[in-house]
Protein backbone atom coordinates (compact mmCIF):
# COMPACT_ATOMS: atom_id res chain seq x y z
CA MET A 1 96.97 -20.93 -2.99
CA ARG A 2 99.31 -17.94 -2.86
CA LYS A 3 101.96 -19.85 -4.87
CA LEU A 4 99.36 -20.82 -7.46
CA PHE A 5 98.21 -17.19 -7.80
CA SER A 6 101.81 -16.04 -8.22
CA TYR A 7 102.44 -18.66 -10.90
CA VAL A 8 99.30 -17.70 -12.88
CA LEU A 9 100.20 -13.99 -12.65
CA SER A 10 103.73 -14.65 -13.95
CA LEU A 11 102.36 -16.75 -16.80
CA CYS A 12 99.91 -13.99 -17.80
CA LEU A 13 102.70 -11.41 -17.83
CA LEU A 14 104.87 -13.67 -20.00
CA VAL A 15 102.03 -14.26 -22.48
CA GLY A 16 101.33 -10.52 -22.57
CA LEU A 17 104.98 -9.74 -23.31
CA PHE A 18 105.03 -12.39 -26.05
CA ALA A 19 101.93 -10.91 -27.69
CA PHE A 20 103.24 -7.36 -27.36
CA ASN A 21 106.40 -8.36 -29.26
CA GLY A 22 104.40 -9.79 -32.16
CA GLY A 23 104.95 -13.43 -31.20
CA THR A 24 108.72 -13.31 -30.71
CA ALA A 25 111.08 -12.73 -27.85
CA GLU A 26 113.30 -10.47 -29.92
CA ALA A 27 112.86 -7.43 -27.66
CA ALA A 28 114.55 -9.31 -24.83
CA THR A 29 117.21 -11.14 -26.83
CA GLY A 30 117.91 -8.73 -29.69
CA LEU A 31 118.38 -9.70 -33.32
CA THR A 32 121.59 -10.48 -35.18
CA ILE A 33 121.60 -11.03 -38.93
CA LYS A 34 124.18 -11.57 -41.66
CA ASP A 35 123.40 -9.46 -44.71
CA LEU A 36 124.11 -10.26 -48.36
CA ALA A 37 127.56 -8.65 -48.14
CA GLY A 38 128.47 -11.06 -45.32
CA ARG A 39 128.29 -8.30 -42.70
CA THR A 40 126.91 -9.04 -39.24
CA VAL A 41 124.44 -6.43 -38.02
CA THR A 42 122.81 -6.45 -34.56
CA PHE A 43 119.60 -4.76 -33.44
CA ASP A 44 118.06 -4.40 -29.97
CA ARG A 45 114.61 -4.81 -31.48
CA THR A 46 112.81 -5.03 -34.81
CA PRO A 47 113.58 -1.81 -36.73
CA LYS A 48 110.61 0.53 -37.02
CA ARG A 49 111.99 3.57 -38.86
CA VAL A 50 113.17 2.27 -42.22
CA VAL A 51 114.96 4.08 -45.05
CA VAL A 52 115.35 2.22 -48.35
CA LEU A 53 117.60 3.25 -51.25
CA SER A 54 116.54 1.02 -54.17
CA PRO A 55 113.15 0.57 -55.89
CA GLY A 56 113.46 -3.23 -55.83
CA ASP A 57 113.87 -3.35 -52.06
CA LEU A 58 111.02 -0.86 -51.74
CA HIS A 59 108.76 -3.26 -53.69
CA THR A 60 109.81 -6.08 -51.38
CA LEU A 61 109.19 -4.07 -48.21
CA GLN A 62 105.73 -3.11 -49.50
CA ALA A 63 104.93 -6.76 -50.19
CA LEU A 64 106.07 -7.68 -46.67
CA GLY A 65 103.89 -4.94 -45.17
CA VAL A 66 106.82 -2.86 -43.88
CA GLN A 67 106.33 0.93 -43.85
CA VAL A 68 109.23 3.23 -44.71
CA VAL A 69 110.12 6.77 -43.63
CA GLY A 70 112.46 7.38 -46.59
CA ARG A 71 112.40 6.08 -50.16
CA PRO A 72 114.70 6.18 -53.19
CA THR A 73 114.65 9.23 -55.42
CA SER A 74 113.06 8.27 -58.71
CA ALA A 75 111.25 9.84 -61.64
CA THR A 76 109.07 6.72 -61.87
CA PRO A 77 105.59 7.17 -60.35
CA VAL A 78 105.03 5.44 -57.01
CA ASP A 79 101.94 4.24 -55.18
CA ALA A 80 99.76 6.94 -53.67
CA SER A 81 100.63 5.66 -50.19
CA LEU A 82 104.31 6.51 -50.83
CA GLN A 83 104.02 9.92 -52.46
CA SER A 84 104.37 11.80 -49.17
CA VAL A 85 107.40 9.74 -48.06
CA PRO A 86 110.62 11.81 -48.36
CA GLN A 87 113.04 10.90 -51.15
CA VAL A 88 116.61 10.27 -49.99
CA GLY A 89 118.71 9.73 -53.11
CA ASN A 90 119.82 6.29 -54.27
CA ILE A 91 122.53 3.70 -53.63
CA HIS A 92 124.96 5.58 -55.90
CA GLN A 93 124.16 9.10 -54.66
CA PRO A 94 122.61 8.94 -51.19
CA ASN A 95 121.46 12.17 -49.56
CA PHE A 96 123.08 11.54 -46.18
CA GLU A 97 121.82 14.79 -44.70
CA LYS A 98 118.24 13.82 -45.46
CA ILE A 99 118.75 10.22 -44.33
CA VAL A 100 120.20 11.26 -40.95
CA SER A 101 117.39 13.77 -40.41
CA LEU A 102 114.86 10.91 -40.64
CA GLN A 103 116.56 9.11 -37.71
CA PRO A 104 116.24 5.62 -39.23
CA ASP A 105 116.68 2.43 -37.22
CA VAL A 106 118.02 0.85 -40.41
CA VAL A 107 118.99 1.76 -43.98
CA ILE A 108 118.30 -0.94 -46.60
CA ALA A 109 120.63 -0.74 -49.61
CA GLY A 110 122.03 -2.91 -52.42
CA THR A 111 125.65 -3.97 -52.85
CA SER A 112 126.49 -0.84 -54.86
CA PHE A 113 126.16 1.08 -51.58
CA LEU A 114 129.20 -0.68 -50.09
CA GLY A 115 131.43 2.21 -51.13
CA HIS A 116 129.41 4.46 -48.80
CA ILE A 117 129.38 2.10 -45.80
CA GLN A 118 132.23 3.79 -43.95
CA LYS A 119 130.59 7.20 -44.16
CA ALA A 120 127.21 5.76 -43.18
CA GLN A 121 128.71 4.14 -40.09
CA SER A 122 130.53 7.36 -39.14
CA LEU A 123 127.10 9.03 -39.11
CA GLY A 124 125.75 6.36 -36.77
CA LEU A 125 123.61 4.65 -39.40
CA LYS A 126 122.95 0.91 -39.36
CA VAL A 127 122.94 -0.51 -42.88
CA VAL A 128 121.70 -3.87 -44.14
CA ILE A 129 122.94 -4.85 -47.60
CA THR A 130 120.75 -6.78 -50.03
CA SER A 131 121.62 -8.05 -53.52
CA GLY A 132 119.87 -8.36 -56.84
CA SER A 133 122.51 -9.83 -59.13
CA SER A 134 120.41 -12.93 -59.80
CA VAL A 135 117.03 -14.47 -59.14
CA ASN A 136 118.54 -16.43 -56.24
CA ASP A 137 120.01 -13.23 -54.79
CA ILE A 138 116.57 -11.63 -54.86
CA LYS A 139 115.10 -14.64 -53.07
CA SER A 140 117.85 -14.43 -50.43
CA SER A 141 117.19 -10.71 -50.00
CA ILE A 142 113.49 -11.32 -49.46
CA THR A 143 114.28 -13.97 -46.84
CA LEU A 144 116.76 -11.61 -45.16
CA LEU A 145 114.24 -8.77 -44.96
CA GLY A 146 111.59 -11.18 -43.71
CA LYS A 147 113.86 -12.14 -40.81
CA LEU A 148 114.86 -8.54 -40.08
CA PHE A 149 111.27 -7.29 -39.87
CA ASN A 150 109.72 -10.35 -38.24
CA LYS A 151 107.87 -11.22 -41.47
CA ALA A 152 109.44 -14.61 -42.11
CA GLN A 153 106.20 -16.34 -43.08
CA LYS A 154 105.27 -13.63 -45.60
CA ALA A 155 108.78 -13.80 -47.04
CA LYS A 156 108.47 -17.57 -47.43
CA VAL A 157 105.24 -17.14 -49.41
CA LEU A 158 106.85 -14.53 -51.70
CA VAL A 159 109.88 -16.75 -52.34
CA GLY A 160 107.53 -19.64 -53.07
CA LYS A 161 105.82 -17.60 -55.80
CA ILE A 162 109.18 -16.93 -57.43
CA ASP A 163 110.10 -20.62 -57.24
CA SER A 164 106.80 -21.56 -58.87
CA LYS A 165 107.40 -19.12 -61.72
CA VAL A 166 110.96 -20.36 -62.30
CA LYS A 167 109.75 -23.96 -62.27
CA LYS A 168 107.05 -23.12 -64.81
CA TYR A 169 109.51 -21.57 -67.26
CA SER A 170 112.22 -24.18 -66.68
CA LYS A 171 110.13 -26.43 -68.94
CA THR A 172 110.24 -23.82 -71.71
CA LYS A 173 113.27 -23.99 -73.99
CA THR A 174 112.43 -21.47 -76.69
CA LYS A 175 115.77 -21.95 -78.52
CA VAL A 176 115.67 -18.23 -79.20
CA ARG A 177 119.22 -16.86 -79.35
CA ALA A 178 119.40 -13.44 -77.75
CA VAL A 179 121.76 -10.64 -76.82
CA ILE A 180 120.98 -8.06 -74.13
CA LEU A 181 122.46 -4.56 -74.52
CA PHE A 182 122.53 -2.18 -71.58
CA GLY A 183 123.31 1.48 -72.11
CA SER A 184 123.28 3.85 -75.06
CA GLY A 185 124.48 3.38 -78.62
CA ALA A 186 127.98 2.10 -79.29
CA SER A 187 128.95 2.64 -75.63
CA SER A 188 126.51 -0.05 -74.48
CA LEU A 189 127.53 -3.07 -72.44
CA VAL A 190 126.50 -6.67 -73.12
CA ALA A 191 124.77 -8.60 -70.34
CA LEU A 192 126.39 -11.94 -69.50
CA PRO A 193 124.51 -14.94 -68.04
CA THR A 194 125.90 -13.92 -64.63
CA SER A 195 124.09 -10.56 -64.74
CA PHE A 196 120.57 -10.07 -63.38
CA SER A 197 118.98 -9.65 -66.82
CA GLY A 198 121.08 -12.53 -68.20
CA ASP A 199 119.80 -14.77 -65.42
CA VAL A 200 116.21 -13.78 -66.19
CA LEU A 201 116.80 -14.54 -69.88
CA ALA A 202 118.05 -18.04 -69.07
CA LYS A 203 115.29 -18.81 -66.57
CA ALA A 204 112.64 -17.57 -69.01
CA GLY A 205 113.82 -20.03 -71.68
CA GLY A 206 116.24 -18.01 -73.84
CA GLU A 207 119.84 -18.58 -74.97
CA ASN A 208 122.46 -15.87 -74.39
CA ILE A 209 124.92 -15.54 -77.29
CA ALA A 210 127.33 -13.64 -74.99
CA ALA A 211 127.94 -16.61 -72.69
CA SER A 212 131.62 -16.76 -73.73
CA PHE A 213 132.28 -12.98 -73.65
CA SER A 214 134.88 -11.76 -71.15
CA GLN A 215 133.53 -10.07 -68.04
CA LEU A 216 134.58 -6.51 -67.25
CA LYS A 217 136.45 -6.05 -63.98
CA ASP A 218 134.56 -2.89 -63.02
CA TYR A 219 131.15 -4.15 -64.17
CA PRO A 220 130.61 -7.74 -62.98
CA GLY A 221 128.10 -9.56 -65.16
CA TYR A 222 128.77 -7.39 -68.22
CA ALA A 223 131.15 -7.33 -71.20
CA ASN A 224 132.21 -4.66 -73.67
CA LEU A 225 130.10 -4.38 -76.78
CA SER A 226 131.81 -6.31 -79.57
CA THR A 227 130.05 -5.61 -82.85
CA GLU A 228 132.15 -8.23 -84.63
CA ARG A 229 131.19 -11.04 -82.23
CA ILE A 230 127.50 -10.10 -82.31
CA ILE A 231 127.51 -10.06 -86.11
CA ALA A 232 129.22 -13.45 -86.11
CA SER A 233 126.60 -14.84 -83.70
CA ASN A 234 123.69 -13.24 -85.59
CA PRO A 235 121.09 -13.38 -82.74
CA ASP A 236 117.38 -13.93 -83.28
CA VAL A 237 116.51 -11.03 -80.97
CA ILE A 238 118.25 -7.99 -79.52
CA PHE A 239 116.97 -6.91 -76.12
CA ILE A 240 117.84 -3.38 -75.04
CA ILE A 241 117.75 -1.94 -71.52
CA THR A 242 117.97 1.85 -71.45
CA HIS A 243 119.11 4.04 -68.59
CA ALA A 244 119.17 7.75 -67.75
CA ASN A 245 117.27 9.71 -70.44
CA HIS A 246 115.09 7.02 -71.99
CA ALA A 247 114.09 8.99 -75.11
CA GLU A 248 117.66 10.00 -75.97
CA THR A 249 119.01 6.53 -75.25
CA LYS A 250 116.35 4.91 -77.44
CA LYS A 251 117.20 7.33 -80.24
CA ALA A 252 120.91 6.40 -80.00
CA MET A 253 120.14 2.67 -80.05
CA ILE A 254 117.88 2.98 -83.11
CA LYS A 255 120.67 4.90 -84.86
CA LEU A 256 123.13 2.09 -84.01
CA MET A 257 120.77 -0.54 -85.44
CA SER A 258 120.55 1.41 -88.73
CA THR A 259 124.29 1.23 -89.40
CA SER A 260 125.62 -1.15 -92.03
CA SER A 261 127.17 -3.40 -89.37
CA TRP A 262 123.86 -4.05 -87.63
CA ARG A 263 121.03 -3.68 -90.13
CA ASN A 264 121.67 -7.04 -91.83
CA LEU A 265 121.37 -8.99 -88.59
CA LYS A 266 118.39 -11.38 -88.40
CA ALA A 267 117.07 -9.57 -85.33
CA VAL A 268 117.10 -6.18 -87.05
CA LYS A 269 115.71 -7.39 -90.40
CA ASN A 270 112.89 -9.27 -88.65
CA LYS A 271 112.14 -6.33 -86.37
CA ASN A 272 113.08 -8.26 -83.26
CA VAL A 273 114.79 -5.35 -81.52
CA ILE A 274 112.95 -5.09 -78.21
CA PHE A 275 113.26 -2.41 -75.53
CA LEU A 276 112.75 -3.95 -72.10
CA PRO A 277 111.03 -1.92 -69.34
CA SER A 278 113.72 -0.29 -67.19
CA GLU A 279 111.71 -0.69 -64.00
CA LEU A 280 111.91 -4.47 -64.39
CA PHE A 281 115.34 -4.95 -65.97
CA ALA A 282 117.70 -2.01 -65.33
CA ALA A 283 118.17 -3.22 -61.75
CA SER A 284 116.67 -5.76 -59.39
CA PRO A 285 112.89 -5.27 -59.20
CA GLY A 286 112.62 -7.15 -55.89
CA VAL A 287 109.44 -9.19 -55.62
CA LYS A 288 108.45 -7.97 -59.07
CA ILE A 289 110.98 -10.42 -60.46
CA THR A 290 107.95 -12.58 -61.30
CA ASN A 291 106.77 -9.79 -63.64
CA ALA A 292 110.22 -9.66 -65.25
CA LEU A 293 110.17 -13.42 -65.87
CA ASP A 294 106.68 -13.20 -67.37
CA HIS A 295 107.67 -10.30 -69.61
CA MET A 296 110.84 -11.97 -70.88
CA ASN A 297 109.15 -15.30 -71.59
CA LYS A 298 106.32 -13.55 -73.44
CA GLU A 299 108.79 -11.69 -75.69
CA LEU A 300 110.80 -14.85 -76.37
CA LEU A 301 107.66 -16.74 -77.41
CA LYS A 302 106.71 -13.90 -79.77
CA VAL A 303 110.10 -14.12 -81.45
CA ARG A 304 109.89 -17.91 -81.69
CA ALA A 305 106.45 -17.66 -83.31
CA LYS A 306 107.85 -15.29 -85.96
CA MET A 307 110.79 -17.63 -86.58
CA LYS A 308 108.42 -20.51 -87.39
CA LYS A 309 106.60 -18.59 -90.11
C-alpha cells in the first residue's frame, strides 16, 4: 500500500510539473533553436521578457499571443495594447541602452541586425534572427517563433493561412508586366524577383520586367534603376514603394514620371503608377503577408481590366 501511495504521489507531481510548464518539459531540458541566420541559440526556459525590433515580427508575435516589453520605434500607429510599450529603435539603429534596461530574455530581430550581433552579445543579450526576404522566409520565421515561445500549433495555423492564400493566387496569371521601384526619384532601386516585394508580385500573379537585371552587391534582391531598360520593356504598371518622408518621396516620384523619358510609358499614360502601402511592402509585414498578397493581386486585376478596354 505504501509503495502504491508513493507511486501515485510521484505521478501527481509529474503531471503538475507538466501542466505548470504549459504542456512541455522545456523547463527541465532547456530549448535550443537554430535561427534564420543559422545561429544556434539556447535557452533555459521559454523566454518571457521579449524585445522586438521590426514591425513584421511584432505582428507575428501578436498573432501568436506573445507579449513584448519593447517594440520597434515607428511613426506608424500601433494597437492600443502596445502604446504603453517602450520603443527601442529598429534593426538598423537599435537603442541598446533602452534594450538593456528592459532586461529581455530575448531580442527578436531581422537579418539586417547581424551587424550589431557582436555588440548585443557583449551586452549579454540573446538574439534570435528572423528573415523576411521572401514569403517562404516569413513562413519559416513564424515557425521559428512558434517553437521559441511554445506556440507551435498557432504558428502552424498561421502558416497554413499563408499557404492557402498563395495557392489561391497561384491559379491567377494576370499577364500584367510590372516594375517595382523602391526609394525616391532617380535614386530609386528596382526590386528583383528575389526581393520580398518581387516575390509577392510573382505569387500574386504578376510578371516582373526586371527579372534579368543585375543584383546589387550591397542590396540583395535589388538592382540600380535603369531608365533605358525600363523604357525598352515598357511595363503595364509601375509600383512604387516609398520610404522615409512619404510626402517628399511621393513628390519626387511624380516629378520623375513627368519627365520626357517616362511620360510616354504605357503605365504612365494609362495612369497605372501605383504607390504601395509601406507598412505592407517596404519590409516584411510578418503574418500580414496575406494582406500584402491580397493588395497586390487586387491592383494587378485592376490594371488587367483597364488593359482589356
